[in-house]
PDB file of all heavy atoms in Angstrom:
ATOM      1  N   GLY A   1      -7.281 -16.982  -7.568  1.00  0.00           N
ATOM      2  CA  GLY A   1      -7.846 -16.441  -6.336  1.00  0.00           C
ATOM      3  C   GLY A   1      -7.092 -15.270  -5.755  1.00  0.00           C
ATOM      4  O   GLY A   1      -7.588 -14.616  -4.831  1.00  0.00           O
ATOM      5  N   GLY A   2      -5.903 -15.011  -6.254  1.00  0.00           N
ATOM      6  CA  GLY A   2      -5.091 -13.932  -5.700  1.00  0.00           C
ATOM      7  C   GLY A   2      -5.334 -12.570  -6.314  1.00  0.00           C
ATOM      8  O   GLY A   2      -4.716 -11.584  -5.879  1.00  0.00           O
ATOM      9  N   TRP A   3      -6.231 -12.486  -7.310  1.00  0.00           N
ATOM     10  CA  TRP A   3      -6.431 -11.214  -8.014  1.00  0.00           C
ATOM     11  C   TRP A   3      -7.918 -10.939  -8.218  1.00  0.00           C
ATOM     12  O   TRP A   3      -8.695 -11.839  -8.531  1.00  0.00           O
ATOM     13  CB  TRP A   3      -5.740 -11.253  -9.383  1.00  0.00           C
ATOM     14  CG  TRP A   3      -4.251 -11.249  -9.257  1.00  0.00           C
ATOM     15  CD1 TRP A   3      -3.433 -12.327  -9.055  1.00  0.00           C
ATOM     16  CD2 TRP A   3      -3.421 -10.098  -9.257  1.00  0.00           C
ATOM     17  NE1 TRP A   3      -2.129 -11.929  -8.947  1.00  0.00           N
ATOM     18  CE2 TRP A   3      -2.081 -10.558  -9.063  1.00  0.00           C
ATOM     19  CE3 TRP A   3      -3.658  -8.737  -9.415  1.00  0.00           C
ATOM     20  CZ2 TRP A   3      -1.007  -9.684  -9.013  1.00  0.00           C
ATOM     21  CZ3 TRP A   3      -2.581  -7.868  -9.379  1.00  0.00           C
ATOM     22  CH2 TRP A   3      -1.269  -8.354  -9.181  1.00  0.00           C
ATOM     23  N   ARG A   4      -8.311  -9.693  -8.045  1.00  0.00           N
ATOM     24  CA  ARG A   4      -9.659  -9.254  -8.378  1.00  0.00           C
ATOM     25  C   ARG A   4      -9.567  -8.167  -9.449  1.00  0.00           C
ATOM     26  O   ARG A   4      -8.553  -7.465  -9.563  1.00  0.00           O
ATOM     27  CB  ARG A   4     -10.405  -8.750  -7.149  1.00  0.00           C
ATOM     28  CG  ARG A   4      -9.790  -7.560  -6.441  1.00  0.00           C
ATOM     29  CD  ARG A   4     -10.644  -7.106  -5.260  1.00  0.00           C
ATOM     30  NE  ARG A   4     -10.073  -5.956  -4.566  1.00  0.00           N
ATOM     31  CZ  ARG A   4      -9.262  -6.035  -3.510  1.00  0.00           C
ATOM     32  NH1 ARG A   4      -8.939  -7.211  -3.013  1.00  0.00           N
ATOM     33  NH2 ARG A   4      -8.791  -4.924  -2.964  1.00  0.00           N
ATOM     34  N   GLU A   5     -10.647  -8.018 -10.203  1.00  0.00           N
ATOM     35  CA  GLU A   5     -10.630  -7.106 -11.351  1.00  0.00           C
ATOM     36  C   GLU A   5     -10.576  -5.645 -10.938  1.00  0.00           C
ATOM     37  O   GLU A   5      -9.994  -4.815 -11.631  1.00  0.00           O
ATOM     38  CB  GLU A   5     -11.856  -7.345 -12.225  1.00  0.00           C
ATOM     39  CG  GLU A   5     -11.832  -8.691 -12.941  1.00  0.00           C
ATOM     40  CD  GLU A   5     -13.021  -8.854 -13.872  1.00  0.00           C
ATOM     41  OE1 GLU A   5     -13.933  -7.987 -13.832  1.00  0.00           O
ATOM     42  OE2 GLU A   5     -13.028  -9.834 -14.635  1.00  0.00           O
ATOM     43  N   ARG A   6     -11.229  -5.317  -9.822  1.00  0.00           N
ATOM     44  CA  ARG A   6     -11.299  -3.928  -9.386  1.00  0.00           C
ATOM     45  C   ARG A   6     -11.637  -3.912  -7.903  1.00  0.00           C
ATOM     46  O   ARG A   6     -11.866  -4.957  -7.300  1.00  0.00           O
ATOM     47  CB  ARG A   6     -12.358  -3.156 -10.175  1.00  0.00           C
ATOM     48  CG  ARG A   6     -13.764  -3.731 -10.059  1.00  0.00           C
ATOM     49  CD  ARG A   6     -14.754  -2.951 -10.886  1.00  0.00           C
ATOM     50  NE  ARG A   6     -16.116  -3.418 -10.674  1.00  0.00           N
ATOM     51  CZ  ARG A   6     -17.204  -2.798 -11.119  1.00  0.00           C
ATOM     52  NH1 ARG A   6     -17.054  -1.678 -11.820  1.00  0.00           N
ATOM     53  NH2 ARG A   6     -18.400  -3.267 -10.901  1.00  0.00           N
ATOM     54  N   SER A   7     -11.681  -2.727  -7.330  1.00  0.00           N
ATOM     55  CA  SER A   7     -11.966  -2.590  -5.902  1.00  0.00           C
ATOM     56  C   SER A   7     -12.928  -1.443  -5.663  1.00  0.00           C
ATOM     57  O   SER A   7     -12.923  -0.442  -6.391  1.00  0.00           O
ATOM     58  CB  SER A   7     -10.680  -2.325  -5.108  1.00  0.00           C
ATOM     59  OG  SER A   7      -9.739  -3.355  -5.291  1.00  0.00           O
ATOM     60  N   MET A   8     -13.748  -1.585  -4.621  1.00  0.00           N
ATOM     61  CA  MET A   8     -14.568  -0.473  -4.163  1.00  0.00           C
ATOM     62  C   MET A   8     -13.683   0.590  -3.519  1.00  0.00           C
ATOM     63  O   MET A   8     -12.651   0.274  -2.935  1.00  0.00           O
ATOM     64  CB  MET A   8     -15.580  -0.947  -3.122  1.00  0.00           C
ATOM     65  CG  MET A   8     -16.682  -1.817  -3.664  1.00  0.00           C
ATOM     66  SD  MET A   8     -17.772  -2.390  -2.321  1.00  0.00           S
ATOM     67  CE  MET A   8     -18.395  -0.824  -1.700  1.00  0.00           C
ATOM     68  N   VAL A   9     -14.092   1.825  -3.635  1.00  0.00           N
ATOM     69  CA  VAL A   9     -13.458   2.924  -2.909  1.00  0.00           C
ATOM     70  C   VAL A   9     -14.518   3.503  -1.989  1.00  0.00           C
ATOM     71  O   VAL A   9     -15.494   4.101  -2.438  1.00  0.00           O
ATOM     72  CB  VAL A   9     -12.917   4.009  -3.858  1.00  0.00           C
ATOM     73  CG1 VAL A   9     -12.282   5.139  -3.061  1.00  0.00           C
ATOM     74  CG2 VAL A   9     -11.920   3.399  -4.831  1.00  0.00           C
ATOM     75  N   GLY A  10     -14.347   3.305  -0.709  1.00  0.00           N
ATOM     76  CA  GLY A  10     -15.377   3.716   0.232  1.00  0.00           C
ATOM     77  C   GLY A  10     -16.505   2.700   0.270  1.00  0.00           C
ATOM     78  O   GLY A  10     -16.354   1.552  -0.145  1.00  0.00           O
ATOM     79  N   TYR A  11     -17.676   3.146   0.726  1.00  0.00           N
ATOM     80  CA  TYR A  11     -18.816   2.242   0.870  1.00  0.00           C
ATOM     81  C   TYR A  11     -19.604   2.122  -0.427  1.00  0.00           C
ATOM     82  O   TYR A  11     -19.500   2.955  -1.323  1.00  0.00           O
ATOM     83  CB  TYR A  11     -19.716   2.711   2.010  1.00  0.00           C
ATOM     84  CG  TYR A  11     -19.256   2.183   3.337  1.00  0.00           C
ATOM     85  CD1 TYR A  11     -18.497   2.968   4.190  1.00  0.00           C
ATOM     86  CD2 TYR A  11     -19.545   0.879   3.719  1.00  0.00           C
ATOM     87  CE1 TYR A  11     -18.067   2.476   5.405  1.00  0.00           C
ATOM     88  CE2 TYR A  11     -19.111   0.371   4.918  1.00  0.00           C
ATOM     89  CZ  TYR A  11     -18.376   1.172   5.763  1.00  0.00           C
ATOM     90  OH  TYR A  11     -17.933   0.686   6.958  1.00  0.00           O
ATOM     91  N   ARG A  12     -20.404   1.055  -0.492  1.00  0.00           N
ATOM     92  CA  ARG A  12     -21.149   0.740  -1.709  1.00  0.00           C
ATOM     93  C   ARG A  12     -22.018   1.919  -2.174  1.00  0.00           C
ATOM     94  O   ARG A  12     -22.157   2.152  -3.376  1.00  0.00           O
ATOM     95  CB  ARG A  12     -22.004  -0.502  -1.444  1.00  0.00           C
ATOM     96  CG  ARG A  12     -22.695  -1.058  -2.679  1.00  0.00           C
ATOM     97  CD  ARG A  12     -23.375  -2.384  -2.376  1.00  0.00           C
ATOM     98  NE  ARG A  12     -22.383  -3.443  -2.183  1.00  0.00           N
ATOM     99  CZ  ARG A  12     -22.002  -3.913  -0.989  1.00  0.00           C
ATOM    100  NH1 ARG A  12     -22.531  -3.424   0.113  1.00  0.00           N
ATOM    101  NH2 ARG A  12     -21.108  -4.873  -0.896  1.00  0.00           N
ATOM    102  N   ALA A  13     -22.585   2.664  -1.232  1.00  0.00           N
ATOM    103  CA  ALA A  13     -23.476   3.770  -1.583  1.00  0.00           C
ATOM    104  C   ALA A  13     -22.773   4.849  -2.397  1.00  0.00           C
ATOM    105  O   ALA A  13     -23.415   5.605  -3.122  1.00  0.00           O
ATOM    106  CB  ALA A  13     -24.067   4.381  -0.317  1.00  0.00           C
ATOM    107  N   ALA A  14     -21.454   4.940  -2.282  1.00  0.00           N
ATOM    108  CA  ALA A  14     -20.719   5.956  -3.041  1.00  0.00           C
ATOM    109  C   ALA A  14     -20.686   5.640  -4.519  1.00  0.00           C
ATOM    110  O   ALA A  14     -20.547   6.532  -5.358  1.00  0.00           O
ATOM    111  CB  ALA A  14     -19.298   6.084  -2.493  1.00  0.00           C
ATOM    112  N   GLY A  15     -20.778   4.348  -4.862  1.00  0.00           N
ATOM    113  CA  GLY A  15     -20.748   3.960  -6.260  1.00  0.00           C
ATOM    114  C   GLY A  15     -19.418   4.195  -6.941  1.00  0.00           C
ATOM    115  O   GLY A  15     -19.340   4.357  -8.164  1.00  0.00           O
ATOM    116  N   VAL A  16     -18.326   4.186  -6.176  1.00  0.00           N
ATOM    117  CA  VAL A  16     -17.003   4.485  -6.728  1.00  0.00           C
ATOM    118  C   VAL A  16     -16.195   3.192  -6.838  1.00  0.00           C
ATOM    119  O   VAL A  16     -16.115   2.409  -5.891  1.00  0.00           O
ATOM    120  CB  VAL A  16     -16.251   5.506  -5.847  1.00  0.00           C
ATOM    121  CG1 VAL A  16     -14.857   5.774  -6.411  1.00  0.00           C
ATOM    122  CG2 VAL A  16     -17.043   6.800  -5.745  1.00  0.00           C
ATOM    123  N   ARG A  17     -15.598   2.958  -7.999  1.00  0.00           N
ATOM    124  CA  ARG A  17     -14.700   1.826  -8.220  1.00  0.00           C
ATOM    125  C   ARG A  17     -13.407   2.359  -8.829  1.00  0.00           C
ATOM    126  O   ARG A  17     -13.426   3.327  -9.598  1.00  0.00           O
ATOM    127  CB  ARG A  17     -15.310   0.798  -9.178  1.00  0.00           C
ATOM    128  CG  ARG A  17     -16.631   0.189  -8.717  1.00  0.00           C
ATOM    129  CD  ARG A  17     -16.414  -0.725  -7.518  1.00  0.00           C
ATOM    130  NE  ARG A  17     -17.607  -1.488  -7.168  1.00  0.00           N
ATOM    131  CZ  ARG A  17     -18.596  -1.049  -6.421  1.00  0.00           C
ATOM    132  NH1 ARG A  17     -18.547   0.200  -5.947  1.00  0.00           N
ATOM    133  NH2 ARG A  17     -19.631  -1.811  -6.131  1.00  0.00           N
ATOM    134  N   ASP A  18     -12.289   1.728  -8.502  1.00  0.00           N
ATOM    135  CA  ASP A  18     -11.030   2.234  -9.062  1.00  0.00           C
ATOM    136  C   ASP A  18     -10.681   1.578 -10.393  1.00  0.00           C
ATOM    137  O   ASP A  18      -9.804   2.047 -11.107  1.00  0.00           O
ATOM    138  CB  ASP A  18      -9.884   2.077  -8.060  1.00  0.00           C
ATOM    139  CG  ASP A  18      -9.564   0.615  -7.744  1.00  0.00           C
ATOM    140  OD1 ASP A  18     -10.095  -0.294  -8.409  1.00  0.00           O
ATOM    141  OD2 ASP A  18      -8.768   0.396  -6.817  1.00  0.00           O
ATOM    142  N   ASP A  19     -11.351   0.440 -10.715  1.00  0.00           N
ATOM    143  CA  ASP A  19     -11.168  -0.244 -11.999  1.00  0.00           C
ATOM    144  C   ASP A  19      -9.712  -0.616 -12.269  1.00  0.00           C
ATOM    145  O   ASP A  19      -9.286  -0.676 -13.431  1.00  0.00           O
ATOM    146  CB  ASP A  19     -11.721   0.607 -13.157  1.00  0.00           C
ATOM    147  CG  ASP A  19     -13.238   0.676 -13.118  1.00  0.00           C
ATOM    148  OD1 ASP A  19     -13.869  -0.332 -12.729  1.00  0.00           O
ATOM    149  OD2 ASP A  19     -13.801   1.722 -13.470  1.00  0.00           O
ATOM    150  N   ARG A  20      -8.964  -0.887 -11.199  1.00  0.00           N
ATOM    151  CA  ARG A  20      -7.598  -1.402 -11.344  1.00  0.00           C
ATOM    152  C   ARG A  20      -7.557  -2.817 -10.788  1.00  0.00           C
ATOM    153  O   ARG A  20      -8.038  -3.057  -9.683  1.00  0.00           O
ATOM    154  CB  ARG A  20      -6.602  -0.548 -10.576  1.00  0.00           C
ATOM    155  CG  ARG A  20      -6.403   0.858 -11.089  1.00  0.00           C
ATOM    156  CD  ARG A  20      -5.385   1.576 -10.229  1.00  0.00           C
ATOM    157  NE  ARG A  20      -5.807   1.610  -8.825  1.00  0.00           N
ATOM    158  CZ  ARG A  20      -5.009   1.904  -7.803  1.00  0.00           C
ATOM    159  NH1 ARG A  20      -3.744   2.175  -8.019  1.00  0.00           N
ATOM    160  NH2 ARG A  20      -5.479   1.933  -6.564  1.00  0.00           N
ATOM    161  N   PRO A  21      -6.981  -3.767 -11.508  1.00  0.00           N
ATOM    162  CA  PRO A  21      -6.797  -5.096 -10.907  1.00  0.00           C
ATOM    163  C   PRO A  21      -5.936  -4.988  -9.642  1.00  0.00           C
ATOM    164  O   PRO A  21      -5.008  -4.168  -9.574  1.00  0.00           O
ATOM    165  CB  PRO A  21      -6.068  -5.886 -12.005  1.00  0.00           C
ATOM    166  CG  PRO A  21      -6.384  -5.163 -13.264  1.00  0.00           C
ATOM    167  CD  PRO A  21      -6.495  -3.710 -12.890  1.00  0.00           C
ATOM    168  N   HIS A  22      -6.267  -5.781  -8.650  1.00  0.00           N
ATOM    169  CA  HIS A  22      -5.499  -5.757  -7.404  1.00  0.00           C
ATOM    170  C   HIS A  22      -5.236  -7.175  -6.949  1.00  0.00           C
ATOM    171  O   HIS A  22      -6.110  -8.034  -6.996  1.00  0.00           O
ATOM    172  CB  HIS A  22      -6.244  -5.012  -6.296  1.00  0.00           C
ATOM    173  CG  HIS A  22      -5.485  -4.994  -4.998  1.00  0.00           C
ATOM    174  ND1 HIS A  22      -4.524  -4.043  -4.717  1.00  0.00           N
ATOM    175  CD2 HIS A  22      -5.494  -5.843  -3.943  1.00  0.00           C
ATOM    176  CE1 HIS A  22      -3.992  -4.298  -3.535  1.00  0.00           C
ATOM    177  NE2 HIS A  22      -4.563  -5.388  -3.036  1.00  0.00           N
ATOM    178  N   GLY A  23      -4.012  -7.418  -6.487  1.00  0.00           N
ATOM    179  CA  GLY A  23      -3.701  -8.745  -5.975  1.00  0.00           C
ATOM    180  C   GLY A  23      -2.263  -8.896  -5.570  1.00  0.00           C
ATOM    181  O   GLY A  23      -1.521  -7.921  -5.416  1.00  0.00           O
ATOM    182  N   GLY A  24      -1.883 -10.149  -5.391  1.00  0.00           N
ATOM    183  CA  GLY A  24      -0.549 -10.505  -4.941  1.00  0.00           C
ATOM    184  C   GLY A  24      -0.651 -11.623  -3.920  1.00  0.00           C
ATOM    185  O   GLY A  24      -1.733 -11.930  -3.417  1.00  0.00           O
ATOM    186  N   TYR A  25       0.477 -12.260  -3.665  1.00  0.00           N
ATOM    187  CA  TYR A  25       0.489 -13.310  -2.656  1.00  0.00           C
ATOM    188  C   TYR A  25       1.903 -13.475  -2.132  1.00  0.00           C
ATOM    189  O   TYR A  25       2.871 -12.942  -2.686  1.00  0.00           O
ATOM    190  CB  TYR A  25      -0.042 -14.630  -3.226  1.00  0.00           C
ATOM    191  CG  TYR A  25       0.871 -15.315  -4.227  1.00  0.00           C
ATOM    192  CD1 TYR A  25       1.771 -16.313  -3.819  1.00  0.00           C
ATOM    193  CD2 TYR A  25       0.842 -14.987  -5.585  1.00  0.00           C
ATOM    194  CE1 TYR A  25       2.609 -16.941  -4.727  1.00  0.00           C
ATOM    195  CE2 TYR A  25       1.673 -15.606  -6.498  1.00  0.00           C
ATOM    196  CZ  TYR A  25       2.559 -16.588  -6.071  1.00  0.00           C
ATOM    197  OH  TYR A  25       3.386 -17.209  -6.975  1.00  0.00           O
ATOM    198  N   TYR A  26       2.001 -14.230  -1.027  1.00  0.00           N
ATOM    199  CA  TYR A  26       3.296 -14.534  -0.433  1.00  0.00           C
ATOM    200  C   TYR A  26       3.666 -15.973  -0.745  1.00  0.00           C
ATOM    201  O   TYR A  26       2.843 -16.882  -0.573  1.00  0.00           O
ATOM    202  CB  TYR A  26       3.248 -14.351   1.093  1.00  0.00           C
ATOM    203  CG  TYR A  26       2.718 -13.015   1.527  1.00  0.00           C
ATOM    204  CD1 TYR A  26       1.427 -12.899   2.027  1.00  0.00           C
ATOM    205  CD2 TYR A  26       3.486 -11.856   1.413  1.00  0.00           C
ATOM    206  CE1 TYR A  26       0.915 -11.675   2.429  1.00  0.00           C
ATOM    207  CE2 TYR A  26       2.982 -10.625   1.809  1.00  0.00           C
ATOM    208  CZ  TYR A  26       1.697 -10.542   2.308  1.00  0.00           C
ATOM    209  OH  TYR A  26       1.199  -9.313   2.685  1.00  0.00           O
ATOM    210  N   THR A  27       4.893 -16.176  -1.208  1.00  0.00           N
ATOM    211  CA  THR A  27       5.372 -17.548  -1.336  1.00  0.00           C
ATOM    212  C   THR A  27       5.581 -18.125   0.064  1.00  0.00           C
ATOM    213  O   THR A  27       5.672 -17.388   1.055  1.00  0.00           O
ATOM    214  CB  THR A  27       6.678 -17.618  -2.113  1.00  0.00           C
ATOM    215  OG1 THR A  27       7.731 -17.012  -1.323  1.00  0.00           O
ATOM    216  CG2 THR A  27       6.580 -16.896  -3.454  1.00  0.00           C
ATOM    217  N   GLN A  28       5.678 -19.416   0.139  1.00  0.00           N
ATOM    218  CA  GLN A  28       5.931 -20.027   1.437  1.00  0.00           C
ATOM    219  C   GLN A  28       7.272 -19.587   2.003  1.00  0.00           C
ATOM    220  O   GLN A  28       7.399 -19.375   3.220  1.00  0.00           O
ATOM    221  CB  GLN A  28       5.843 -21.548   1.328  1.00  0.00           C
ATOM    222  CG  GLN A  28       4.427 -22.015   1.038  1.00  0.00           C
ATOM    223  CD  GLN A  28       4.265 -23.524   1.096  1.00  0.00           C
ATOM    224  OE1 GLN A  28       5.165 -24.253   1.525  1.00  0.00           O
ATOM    225  NE2 GLN A  28       3.109 -24.007   0.659  1.00  0.00           N
ATOM    226  N   ASP A  29       8.260 -19.378   1.139  1.00  0.00           N
ATOM    227  CA  ASP A  29       9.545 -18.877   1.643  1.00  0.00           C
ATOM    228  C   ASP A  29       9.443 -17.431   2.114  1.00  0.00           C
ATOM    229  O   ASP A  29      10.125 -17.039   3.075  1.00  0.00           O
ATOM    230  CB  ASP A  29      10.626 -19.018   0.561  1.00  0.00           C
ATOM    231  CG  ASP A  29      11.149 -20.441   0.447  1.00  0.00           C
ATOM    232  OD1 ASP A  29      10.862 -21.262   1.345  1.00  0.00           O
ATOM    233  OD2 ASP A  29      11.827 -20.743  -0.547  1.00  0.00           O
ATOM    234  N   ASP A  30       8.612 -16.627   1.463  1.00  0.00           N
ATOM    235  CA  ASP A  30       8.364 -15.271   1.967  1.00  0.00           C
ATOM    236  C   ASP A  30       7.882 -15.329   3.412  1.00  0.00           C
ATOM    237  O   ASP A  30       8.347 -14.578   4.286  1.00  0.00           O
ATOM    238  CB  ASP A  30       7.289 -14.561   1.136  1.00  0.00           C
ATOM    239  CG  ASP A  30       7.753 -14.150  -0.240  1.00  0.00           C
ATOM    240  OD1 ASP A  30       8.977 -14.040  -0.457  1.00  0.00           O
ATOM    241  OD2 ASP A  30       6.882 -13.933  -1.106  1.00  0.00           O
ATOM    242  N   LEU A  31       6.936 -16.212   3.658  1.00  0.00           N
ATOM    243  CA  LEU A  31       6.332 -16.284   4.988  1.00  0.00           C
ATOM    244  C   LEU A  31       7.263 -16.937   5.988  1.00  0.00           C
ATOM    245  O   LEU A  31       7.242 -16.592   7.176  1.00  0.00           O
ATOM    246  CB  LEU A  31       4.996 -17.016   4.906  1.00  0.00           C
ATOM    247  CG  LEU A  31       3.939 -16.234   4.112  1.00  0.00           C
ATOM    248  CD1 LEU A  31       2.720 -17.091   3.840  1.00  0.00           C
ATOM    249  CD2 LEU A  31       3.545 -14.951   4.832  1.00  0.00           C
ATOM    250  N   ARG A  32       8.104 -17.856   5.551  1.00  0.00           N
ATOM    251  CA  ARG A  32       9.127 -18.397   6.457  1.00  0.00           C
ATOM    252  C   ARG A  32      10.088 -17.288   6.888  1.00  0.00           C
ATOM    253  O   ARG A  32      10.508 -17.229   8.048  1.00  0.00           O
ATOM    254  CB  ARG A  32       9.885 -19.544   5.784  1.00  0.00           C
ATOM    255  CG  ARG A  32       9.075 -20.818   5.628  1.00  0.00           C
ATOM    256  CD  ARG A  32       9.938 -21.979   5.145  1.00  0.00           C
ATOM    257  NE  ARG A  32       9.154 -23.195   5.068  1.00  0.00           N
ATOM    258  CZ  ARG A  32       8.585 -23.658   3.947  1.00  0.00           C
ATOM    259  NH1 ARG A  32       8.734 -22.975   2.805  1.00  0.00           N
ATOM    260  NH2 ARG A  32       7.871 -24.756   3.965  1.00  0.00           N
TER     261      ARG A  32
END
């Protein structure tokens, strides 16, 4: 759940995708 395959750039009508996986998360100690 922490990663998606790609991201939109701007609004859907632009039809632009960056095609880079994006994600990351914080460990509980990070948040502490």
